[in-house]
Amino acid sequence: MSSKILIVEDELDIGRLLYMQVQNMGYTAEHVSSGEEALALLNRNHYDLMLLDWMLPGLSGIEIAQLVRKMDSMKDLGILMLTAKADPDNIVEGLEAGADDYITKPFSTEILKARMGCLLRRVKRAEAPAANTAGGGSEDDIEIGPLRVSLKTYKAYLDGEAMSLTPSEFKLLSTMLGYRGRVLTRAKLIEEVQGEGISVIGRTIDTHIFGLRKKLKEHAELIETVRGIGYRVRDDII
């Protein structure tokens, strides 16, 4: 079944162009020009991904993202912000509001297609948790390429060999794997990792990422730096 995409864009020319591009990618698309229209459709229909402009009449894209993230019925909806606001502070604000990814205008169709594909793969995994396991593994295991993390035993394995991770490194790695493909700001990582005897602040996140990459050895590229924003686990490694 084709994935359903909701496009929220008030500039009609851009909205129509996005509609045609999404349809040509093989997805089912709908286009609205305001946040209020978007919320009405989201409450009536199921969508896999929303392409969301920031500057809209009435509710802004930020406000829409925040409202959606408070609704359990839409917890698996992917949100990709498409906006002319390119300042790093704006990008952080968009991600913290609930967007999974953020593309600044103008952008290429190839980049849009790649980012949409990345988010839709994550949505499908969220809808079918068993897809995170392989080889008959437990649903408490997350496997990506050569890496396997057991949430039950708090151990990680690289190419079948146990990794020596600190509690902070394990929590950070398992958190990013759980959000695979999604950009996580440093503030979001701190929020997720804190607790249970684990304390991280500010730039110590960068130190933990550096340590993780060293322990991932030749697979260090699994963790991608999004300059000025934060980190994500790549979604294109099988």
Foldseek 3Di string as FASTA:
>chain_A
DAAEEEEAAQPVVVQVVVCVLCVVLVHHYDYDHALVVVVVVVVVDDGQEYEAEQDGPDDGSLRSQLVQCVDPVNVLYAYEYEYQPDDLVVQQSSVVSHHQYYDYPPDDSVVVSVLVVLSSVLSVCVVPLVVQDPPPDDSQWGDFAQWIAGNVVLWIGGVRHTFDADLQLSQLVVVQSNSASGFDFPVRSQVRRDDPPDHDDDCVLVVSLVVNLVRNPPVSVQWDADPSGGIHGYRPTD
